[in-house]
């Protein structure tokens, strides 16, 4: 048996090799606990440490993560169901997920939707209250009024 690898590369990301397969896969962006556990269980690797796997097995795990059609996973477990562009169910990870999210936000801005407008001015999109939250950035208040008062010359002198 070979030695345990300290770091395993999956999807251009370094993963801790001392963790079990399902724990280690959650270190990837777009892979949660349930999806990682389902992939590990379908492949029969629940109790294996990811650093103990050989390179072929690691490549197979990466392929199964990117193409969940080959596994018998429920549709609701995927993070991109009924995709607008392709029309099918997908599961995206790492840079593919970030790129797709960026394109979705750009499309919302281009069609001048309410959500796109909120994204463009930096306000929350999903209906959160804004009276006391999301107050970073340029604030209008006492400091601005004080600056304006100092800029105007007083007529007393």
N, C-alpha and C. Protein backbone atom coordinates (compact mmCIF):
# COMPACT_ATOMS: atom_id res chain seq x y z
N UNK A 1 0.84 -1.18 0.00
CA UNK A 1 0.00 0.00 0.00
C UNK A 1 0.88 1.24 0.00
N UNK A 2 0.51 2.20 -0.76
CA UNK A 2 1.31 3.42 -0.87
C UNK A 2 1.05 4.32 0.33
N UNK A 3 1.89 5.32 0.47
CA UNK A 3 1.73 6.25 1.59
C UNK A 3 0.59 7.23 1.31
N UNK A 4 0.08 7.82 2.37
CA UNK A 4 -1.01 8.78 2.27
C UNK A 4 -0.48 10.11 1.75
N UNK A 5 -1.16 10.64 0.73
CA UNK A 5 -0.77 11.94 0.19
C UNK A 5 -1.30 13.03 1.11
N UNK A 6 -0.49 14.03 1.36
CA UNK A 6 -0.91 15.15 2.21
C UNK A 6 -1.96 16.01 1.52
N UNK A 7 -1.71 16.31 0.23
CA UNK A 7 -2.62 17.17 -0.54
C UNK A 7 -2.96 16.47 -1.84
N UNK A 8 -4.24 16.46 -2.15
CA UNK A 8 -4.73 15.83 -3.38
C UNK A 8 -5.32 16.93 -4.25
N UNK A 9 -5.00 16.92 -5.55
CA UNK A 9 -5.51 17.93 -6.47
C UNK A 9 -6.75 17.40 -7.17
N UNK A 10 -7.88 18.09 -6.96
CA UNK A 10 -9.12 17.79 -7.67
C UNK A 10 -9.67 19.12 -8.17
N UNK A 11 -9.98 19.19 -9.44
CA UNK A 11 -10.54 20.39 -10.08
C UNK A 11 -9.66 21.61 -9.81
N UNK A 12 -8.37 21.45 -10.00
CA UNK A 12 -7.38 22.52 -9.84
C UNK A 12 -7.38 23.12 -8.43
N UNK A 13 -7.76 22.31 -7.44
CA UNK A 13 -7.80 22.77 -6.04
C UNK A 13 -7.11 21.74 -5.16
N UNK A 14 -6.32 22.21 -4.23
CA UNK A 14 -5.66 21.32 -3.29
C UNK A 14 -6.59 20.97 -2.15
N UNK A 15 -6.72 19.67 -1.86
CA UNK A 15 -7.62 19.17 -0.82
C UNK A 15 -6.79 18.40 0.20
N UNK A 16 -7.18 18.51 1.48
CA UNK A 16 -6.49 17.81 2.56
C UNK A 16 -6.62 16.30 2.37
N UNK A 17 -5.50 15.59 2.25
CA UNK A 17 -5.51 14.16 1.99
C UNK A 17 -5.76 13.31 3.22
N UNK A 18 -5.77 13.90 4.41
CA UNK A 18 -5.98 13.12 5.63
C UNK A 18 -7.45 12.95 5.96
N UNK A 19 -8.34 13.61 5.24
CA UNK A 19 -9.77 13.52 5.50
C UNK A 19 -10.39 12.39 4.68
N UNK A 20 -11.59 11.97 5.10
CA UNK A 20 -12.30 10.97 4.32
C UNK A 20 -12.80 11.63 3.02
N UNK A 21 -13.21 10.80 2.08
CA UNK A 21 -13.58 11.31 0.76
C UNK A 21 -14.71 12.33 0.85
N UNK A 22 -15.78 12.01 1.59
CA UNK A 22 -16.91 12.94 1.62
C UNK A 22 -16.57 14.22 2.39
N UNK A 23 -15.73 14.15 3.41
CA UNK A 23 -15.32 15.37 4.12
C UNK A 23 -14.41 16.22 3.24
N UNK A 24 -13.51 15.59 2.50
CA UNK A 24 -12.56 16.33 1.69
C UNK A 24 -13.24 17.01 0.51
N UNK A 25 -14.25 16.38 -0.08
CA UNK A 25 -14.90 16.94 -1.26
C UNK A 25 -15.67 18.21 -0.93
N UNK A 26 -16.06 18.39 0.33
CA UNK A 26 -16.77 19.62 0.69
C UNK A 26 -15.85 20.83 0.65
N UNK A 27 -14.55 20.63 0.51
CA UNK A 27 -13.62 21.74 0.36
C UNK A 27 -13.68 22.38 -1.02
N UNK A 28 -14.37 21.76 -1.94
CA UNK A 28 -14.53 22.31 -3.28
C UNK A 28 -15.72 23.25 -3.31
N UNK A 29 -15.60 24.36 -4.04
CA UNK A 29 -16.71 25.30 -4.18
C UNK A 29 -17.79 24.64 -5.03
N UNK A 30 -19.02 24.64 -4.52
CA UNK A 30 -20.13 24.05 -5.24
C UNK A 30 -20.44 22.63 -4.81
N UNK A 31 -19.68 22.08 -3.86
CA UNK A 31 -19.91 20.73 -3.37
C UNK A 31 -20.24 20.82 -1.88
N UNK A 32 -21.48 20.51 -1.53
CA UNK A 32 -21.90 20.55 -0.14
C UNK A 32 -21.81 19.18 0.51
N UNK A 33 -22.25 19.11 1.76
CA UNK A 33 -22.18 17.85 2.51
C UNK A 33 -22.99 16.74 1.85
N UNK A 34 -24.21 17.05 1.45
CA UNK A 34 -25.08 16.00 0.91
C UNK A 34 -24.57 15.48 -0.43
N UNK A 35 -24.13 16.39 -1.30
CA UNK A 35 -23.64 15.97 -2.61
C UNK A 35 -22.36 15.15 -2.47
N UNK A 36 -21.44 15.61 -1.60
CA UNK A 36 -20.19 14.89 -1.39
C UNK A 36 -20.45 13.50 -0.82
N UNK A 37 -21.36 13.40 0.14
CA UNK A 37 -21.67 12.10 0.74
C UNK A 37 -22.33 11.18 -0.29
N UNK A 38 -23.21 11.73 -1.12
CA UNK A 38 -23.88 10.91 -2.13
C UNK A 38 -22.88 10.38 -3.15
N UNK A 39 -21.93 11.20 -3.58
CA UNK A 39 -20.92 10.75 -4.55
C UNK A 39 -20.04 9.67 -3.92
N UNK A 40 -19.59 9.88 -2.69
CA UNK A 40 -18.74 8.90 -2.02
C UNK A 40 -19.49 7.58 -1.81
N UNK A 41 -20.76 7.66 -1.45
CA UNK A 41 -21.54 6.45 -1.22
C UNK A 41 -21.79 5.69 -2.51
N UNK A 42 -22.09 6.40 -3.59
CA UNK A 42 -22.33 5.75 -4.89
C UNK A 42 -21.07 5.06 -5.40
N UNK A 43 -19.90 5.62 -5.08
CA UNK A 43 -18.64 5.02 -5.53
C UNK A 43 -18.09 4.01 -4.53
N UNK A 44 -18.72 3.88 -3.37
CA UNK A 44 -18.27 2.92 -2.37
C UNK A 44 -17.01 3.36 -1.63
N UNK A 45 -16.84 4.66 -1.44
CA UNK A 45 -15.64 5.21 -0.80
C UNK A 45 -15.96 5.96 0.48
N UNK A 46 -17.02 5.55 1.23
CA UNK A 46 -17.44 6.33 2.38
C UNK A 46 -16.36 6.45 3.45
N UNK A 47 -15.70 5.35 3.79
CA UNK A 47 -14.75 5.35 4.90
C UNK A 47 -13.29 5.45 4.46
N UNK A 48 -13.05 5.67 3.19
CA UNK A 48 -11.67 5.76 2.67
C UNK A 48 -11.14 7.17 2.84
N UNK A 49 -9.86 7.28 3.14
CA UNK A 49 -9.22 8.59 3.15
C UNK A 49 -8.84 8.93 1.71
N UNK A 50 -9.05 10.18 1.34
CA UNK A 50 -8.81 10.56 -0.05
C UNK A 50 -7.33 10.51 -0.40
N UNK A 51 -6.45 10.66 0.58
CA UNK A 51 -5.02 10.57 0.34
C UNK A 51 -4.54 9.16 0.08
N UNK A 52 -5.34 8.14 0.47
CA UNK A 52 -4.96 6.74 0.24
C UNK A 52 -5.34 6.24 -1.14
N UNK A 53 -6.16 6.99 -1.87
CA UNK A 53 -6.61 6.55 -3.20
C UNK A 53 -5.49 6.72 -4.22
N UNK A 54 -5.50 5.84 -5.22
CA UNK A 54 -4.52 6.00 -6.29
C UNK A 54 -4.99 7.04 -7.29
N UNK A 55 -4.13 7.41 -8.22
CA UNK A 55 -4.43 8.51 -9.15
C UNK A 55 -5.65 8.21 -10.03
N UNK A 56 -5.82 6.95 -10.43
CA UNK A 56 -6.97 6.60 -11.27
C UNK A 56 -8.28 6.81 -10.52
N UNK A 57 -8.30 6.43 -9.24
CA UNK A 57 -9.51 6.61 -8.43
C UNK A 57 -9.82 8.09 -8.21
N UNK A 58 -8.77 8.88 -8.01
CA UNK A 58 -8.97 10.32 -7.82
C UNK A 58 -9.53 10.95 -9.09
N UNK A 59 -8.99 10.54 -10.26
CA UNK A 59 -9.51 11.04 -11.53
C UNK A 59 -10.97 10.62 -11.72
N UNK A 60 -11.30 9.40 -11.28
CA UNK A 60 -12.68 8.92 -11.40
C UNK A 60 -13.62 9.73 -10.50
N UNK A 61 -13.17 10.06 -9.28
CA UNK A 61 -13.97 10.89 -8.37
C UNK A 61 -14.21 12.26 -8.99
N UNK A 62 -13.16 12.84 -9.58
CA UNK A 62 -13.31 14.16 -10.21
C UNK A 62 -14.28 14.09 -11.38
N UNK A 63 -14.20 13.02 -12.16
CA UNK A 63 -15.11 12.87 -13.30
C UNK A 63 -16.56 12.71 -12.84
N UNK A 64 -16.77 11.96 -11.76
CA UNK A 64 -18.12 11.76 -11.23
C UNK A 64 -18.67 13.07 -10.65
N UNK A 65 -17.80 13.89 -10.05
CA UNK A 65 -18.25 15.18 -9.53
C UNK A 65 -18.74 16.08 -10.65
N UNK A 66 -18.01 16.09 -11.76
CA UNK A 66 -18.35 16.98 -12.86
C UNK A 66 -19.51 16.44 -13.70
N UNK A 67 -19.67 15.14 -13.77
CA UNK A 67 -20.73 14.53 -14.58
C UNK A 67 -21.59 13.62 -13.70
N UNK A 68 -22.54 14.18 -12.98
CA UNK A 68 -23.36 13.35 -12.08
C UNK A 68 -24.36 12.47 -12.81
N UNK A 69 -24.46 12.58 -14.14
CA UNK A 69 -25.39 11.72 -14.89
C UNK A 69 -24.98 10.26 -14.79
N UNK A 70 -23.67 10.02 -14.64
CA UNK A 70 -23.20 8.64 -14.55
C UNK A 70 -23.53 8.01 -13.21
N UNK A 71 -23.87 8.82 -12.22
CA UNK A 71 -24.28 8.32 -10.91
C UNK A 71 -25.80 8.33 -10.82
N UNK A 72 -26.35 7.53 -9.94
CA UNK A 72 -27.80 7.49 -9.76
C UNK A 72 -28.17 8.43 -8.61
N UNK A 73 -28.06 9.75 -8.88
CA UNK A 73 -28.36 10.75 -7.87
C UNK A 73 -29.69 11.42 -8.18
N UNK A 74 -30.44 11.82 -7.15
CA UNK A 74 -31.70 12.53 -7.43
C UNK A 74 -31.44 13.89 -8.04
N UNK A 75 -32.41 14.34 -8.81
CA UNK A 75 -32.28 15.61 -9.53
C UNK A 75 -32.16 16.80 -8.59
N UNK A 76 -32.82 16.76 -7.44
CA UNK A 76 -32.83 17.89 -6.52
C UNK A 76 -31.48 18.11 -5.85
N UNK A 77 -30.56 17.17 -5.98
CA UNK A 77 -29.25 17.29 -5.35
C UNK A 77 -28.29 18.14 -6.17
N UNK A 78 -28.62 18.41 -7.41
CA UNK A 78 -27.74 19.16 -8.30
C UNK A 78 -27.91 20.66 -8.08
N UNK A 79 -26.86 21.44 -8.35
CA UNK A 79 -26.92 22.87 -8.07
C UNK A 79 -27.34 23.71 -9.28
N UNK A 80 -27.57 23.10 -10.42
CA UNK A 80 -27.96 23.85 -11.62
C UNK A 80 -29.04 23.07 -12.36
N UNK A 81 -30.26 23.08 -11.82
CA UNK A 81 -31.36 22.33 -12.42
C UNK A 81 -32.04 23.17 -13.49
N UNK A 82 -32.40 22.53 -14.59
CA UNK A 82 -33.10 23.18 -15.70
C UNK A 82 -32.40 24.47 -16.10
N UNK A 83 -31.16 24.32 -16.51
CA UNK A 83 -30.31 25.45 -16.87
C UNK A 83 -30.93 26.25 -18.01
N UNK A 84 -30.82 27.56 -17.94
CA UNK A 84 -31.43 28.44 -18.93
C UNK A 84 -30.81 28.25 -20.32
N UNK A 85 -29.51 28.06 -20.38
CA UNK A 85 -28.83 27.96 -21.67
C UNK A 85 -28.98 26.58 -22.30
N UNK A 86 -28.64 25.54 -21.56
CA UNK A 86 -28.66 24.18 -22.11
C UNK A 86 -30.00 23.48 -21.92
N UNK A 87 -30.74 23.83 -20.88
CA UNK A 87 -32.03 23.22 -20.64
C UNK A 87 -31.98 21.90 -19.90
N UNK A 88 -30.80 21.48 -19.47
CA UNK A 88 -30.69 20.21 -18.76
C UNK A 88 -30.22 20.43 -17.33
N UNK A 89 -30.07 19.35 -16.60
CA UNK A 89 -29.62 19.42 -15.21
C UNK A 89 -28.10 19.25 -15.17
N UNK A 90 -27.43 20.13 -14.43
CA UNK A 90 -25.97 20.09 -14.33
C UNK A 90 -25.57 20.26 -12.88
N UNK A 91 -24.32 19.94 -12.59
CA UNK A 91 -23.73 20.28 -11.30
C UNK A 91 -22.38 20.89 -11.60
N UNK A 92 -22.23 22.18 -11.32
CA UNK A 92 -20.99 22.89 -11.61
C UNK A 92 -20.18 23.04 -10.34
N UNK A 93 -18.86 23.00 -10.49
CA UNK A 93 -17.96 23.18 -9.36
C UNK A 93 -16.88 24.16 -9.73
N UNK A 94 -16.31 24.79 -8.69
CA UNK A 94 -15.15 25.68 -8.77
C UNK A 94 -15.34 26.81 -9.79
N UNK A 95 -14.42 26.99 -10.71
CA UNK A 95 -14.43 28.15 -11.60
C UNK A 95 -15.61 28.14 -12.57
N UNK A 96 -16.09 26.96 -12.95
CA UNK A 96 -17.26 26.88 -13.83
C UNK A 96 -18.49 27.49 -13.15
N UNK A 97 -18.64 27.21 -11.86
CA UNK A 97 -19.76 27.74 -11.09
C UNK A 97 -19.66 29.26 -10.96
N UNK A 98 -18.47 29.76 -10.65
CA UNK A 98 -18.27 31.21 -10.51
C UNK A 98 -18.54 31.93 -11.82
N UNK A 99 -18.06 31.36 -12.93
CA UNK A 99 -18.24 31.97 -14.24
C UNK A 99 -19.72 32.00 -14.63
N UNK A 100 -20.43 30.92 -14.39
CA UNK A 100 -21.85 30.86 -14.73
C UNK A 100 -22.66 31.86 -13.90
N UNK A 101 -22.30 31.99 -12.60
CA UNK A 101 -22.98 32.94 -11.73
C UNK A 101 -22.74 34.37 -12.21
N UNK A 102 -21.52 34.66 -12.62
CA UNK A 102 -21.19 35.99 -13.13
C UNK A 102 -21.98 36.30 -14.40
N UNK A 103 -22.12 35.31 -15.29
CA UNK A 103 -22.90 35.52 -16.51
C UNK A 103 -24.38 35.72 -16.21
N UNK A 104 -24.90 35.01 -15.21
CA UNK A 104 -26.31 35.17 -14.82
C UNK A 104 -26.57 36.59 -14.31
N UNK A 105 -25.66 37.09 -13.47
CA UNK A 105 -25.82 38.45 -12.94
C UNK A 105 -25.70 39.48 -14.06
N UNK A 106 -24.77 39.27 -14.97
CA UNK A 106 -24.61 40.18 -16.11
C UNK A 106 -25.87 40.21 -16.98
N UNK A 107 -26.50 39.03 -17.18
CA UNK A 107 -27.73 38.97 -17.97
C UNK A 107 -28.86 39.72 -17.27
N UNK A 108 -28.96 39.57 -15.94
CA UNK A 108 -29.99 40.29 -15.20
C UNK A 108 -29.80 41.80 -15.32
N UNK A 109 -28.55 42.26 -15.31
CA UNK A 109 -28.28 43.69 -15.46
C UNK A 109 -28.64 44.18 -16.86
N UNK A 110 -28.33 43.37 -17.88
CA UNK A 110 -28.58 43.77 -19.26
C UNK A 110 -30.07 43.88 -19.57
N UNK A 111 -30.89 43.02 -18.99
CA UNK A 111 -32.32 43.07 -19.29
C UNK A 111 -33.06 44.03 -18.38
N UNK A 112 -32.30 44.75 -17.54
CA UNK A 112 -32.85 45.75 -16.63
C UNK A 112 -33.93 45.19 -15.71
N UNK A 113 -33.67 44.01 -15.17
CA UNK A 113 -34.60 43.45 -14.20
C UNK A 113 -34.37 44.09 -12.84
N UNK A 114 -35.33 43.91 -11.94
CA UNK A 114 -35.21 44.48 -10.60
C UNK A 114 -33.99 43.90 -9.88
N UNK A 115 -33.81 42.58 -10.01
CA UNK A 115 -32.65 41.95 -9.36
C UNK A 115 -31.34 42.46 -9.95
N UNK A 116 -31.31 42.67 -11.26
CA UNK A 116 -30.10 43.21 -11.90
C UNK A 116 -29.81 44.63 -11.45
N UNK A 117 -30.86 45.41 -11.28
CA UNK A 117 -30.70 46.79 -10.82
C UNK A 117 -30.14 46.79 -9.41
N UNK A 118 -30.67 45.92 -8.52
CA UNK A 118 -30.17 45.84 -7.14
C UNK A 118 -28.71 45.38 -7.12
N UNK A 119 -28.35 44.44 -7.99
CA UNK A 119 -26.95 44.00 -8.07
C UNK A 119 -26.05 45.17 -8.48
N UNK A 120 -26.49 45.96 -9.45
CA UNK A 120 -25.62 47.01 -9.98
C UNK A 120 -25.37 48.13 -8.99
N UNK A 121 -26.33 48.42 -8.09
CA UNK A 121 -26.10 49.49 -7.13
C UNK A 121 -25.62 48.95 -5.78
N UNK A 122 -25.43 47.64 -5.68
CA UNK A 122 -24.83 47.06 -4.50
C UNK A 122 -25.77 46.89 -3.32
N UNK A 123 -27.05 46.77 -3.56
CA UNK A 123 -28.02 46.54 -2.49
C UNK A 123 -28.41 45.06 -2.47
N UNK A 124 -28.99 44.59 -1.36
CA UNK A 124 -29.37 43.18 -1.30
C UNK A 124 -30.48 42.87 -2.31
N UNK A 125 -30.44 41.65 -2.84
CA UNK A 125 -31.32 41.28 -3.93
C UNK A 125 -32.54 40.50 -3.45
N UNK A 126 -32.41 39.80 -2.34
CA UNK A 126 -33.44 38.83 -1.94
C UNK A 126 -34.38 39.32 -0.87
N UNK A 127 -34.68 40.61 -0.83
CA UNK A 127 -35.72 41.12 0.03
C UNK A 127 -35.35 41.38 1.47
N UNK A 128 -34.06 41.45 1.78
CA UNK A 128 -33.67 41.74 3.16
C UNK A 128 -33.97 43.20 3.50
N UNK A 129 -34.12 43.48 4.78
CA UNK A 129 -34.36 44.86 5.19
C UNK A 129 -33.04 45.64 5.09
N UNK A 130 -33.15 46.92 4.80
CA UNK A 130 -31.94 47.72 4.59
C UNK A 130 -31.84 48.91 5.53
N UNK A 131 -32.79 49.06 6.44
CA UNK A 131 -32.73 50.22 7.35
C UNK A 131 -31.50 50.16 8.24
N UNK A 132 -31.22 48.99 8.78
CA UNK A 132 -30.08 48.87 9.69
C UNK A 132 -28.98 47.97 9.15
N UNK A 133 -29.21 47.26 8.08
CA UNK A 133 -28.21 46.35 7.51
C UNK A 133 -27.69 46.91 6.19
N UNK A 134 -26.57 46.39 5.75
CA UNK A 134 -25.96 46.75 4.46
C UNK A 134 -25.64 48.24 4.41
N UNK A 135 -25.07 48.77 5.49
CA UNK A 135 -24.84 50.20 5.60
C UNK A 135 -23.38 50.58 5.37
N UNK A 136 -22.60 49.71 4.80
CA UNK A 136 -21.22 50.09 4.51
C UNK A 136 -21.18 50.92 3.23
N UNK A 137 -20.10 51.62 3.04
CA UNK A 137 -19.98 52.46 1.86
C UNK A 137 -20.25 53.90 2.20
N UNK A 138 -20.63 54.69 1.22
CA UNK A 138 -20.88 56.11 1.42
C UNK A 138 -22.14 56.35 2.22
N UNK A 139 -21.99 56.88 3.42
CA UNK A 139 -23.13 57.15 4.28
C UNK A 139 -23.44 58.64 4.27
N UNK A 140 -24.69 58.96 4.20
CA UNK A 140 -25.12 60.35 4.29
C UNK A 140 -25.68 60.53 5.68
N UNK A 141 -25.20 61.51 6.38
CA UNK A 141 -25.68 61.71 7.74
C UNK A 141 -25.02 62.92 8.35
N UNK A 142 -24.72 62.83 9.62
CA UNK A 142 -24.19 63.96 10.37
C UNK A 142 -22.87 64.44 9.80
N UNK A 143 -21.99 63.52 9.44
CA UNK A 143 -20.67 63.93 8.96
C UNK A 143 -20.78 64.76 7.68
N UNK A 144 -21.66 64.37 6.76
CA UNK A 144 -21.82 65.11 5.52
C UNK A 144 -22.38 66.50 5.81
N UNK A 145 -23.35 66.58 6.72
CA UNK A 145 -23.95 67.88 7.06
C UNK A 145 -22.91 68.78 7.71
N UNK A 146 -22.05 68.20 8.56
CA UNK A 146 -21.03 69.00 9.22
C UNK A 146 -20.02 69.54 8.20
N UNK A 147 -19.67 68.74 7.22
CA UNK A 147 -18.74 69.20 6.18
C UNK A 147 -19.35 70.33 5.38
N UNK A 148 -20.64 70.22 5.06
CA UNK A 148 -21.30 71.27 4.30
C UNK A 148 -21.41 72.57 5.11
N UNK A 149 -21.66 72.44 6.41
CA UNK A 149 -21.72 73.64 7.27
C UNK A 149 -20.36 74.32 7.36
N UNK A 150 -19.29 73.55 7.42
CA UNK A 150 -17.95 74.12 7.49
C UNK A 150 -17.55 74.79 6.18
N UNK A 151 -18.06 74.29 5.08
CA UNK A 151 -17.72 74.86 3.78
C UNK A 151 -18.39 76.22 3.57
N UNK A 152 -19.59 76.43 4.13
CA UNK A 152 -20.30 77.69 3.96
C UNK A 152 -19.76 78.72 4.93
N UNK A 153 -19.42 79.89 4.46
CA UNK A 153 -18.96 80.93 5.38
C UNK A 153 -20.13 81.49 6.19
N UNK A 154 -19.90 81.74 7.46
CA UNK A 154 -20.96 82.29 8.29
C UNK A 154 -20.99 83.81 8.17
N UNK A 155 -22.17 84.41 8.31
CA UNK A 155 -22.32 85.86 8.14
C UNK A 155 -22.17 86.64 9.44
N UNK A 156 -21.77 86.01 10.54
CA UNK A 156 -21.66 86.67 11.84
C UNK A 156 -20.44 87.58 11.92
N UNK A 157 -19.40 87.30 11.23
CA UNK A 157 -18.15 88.05 11.38
C UNK A 157 -18.08 89.22 10.50
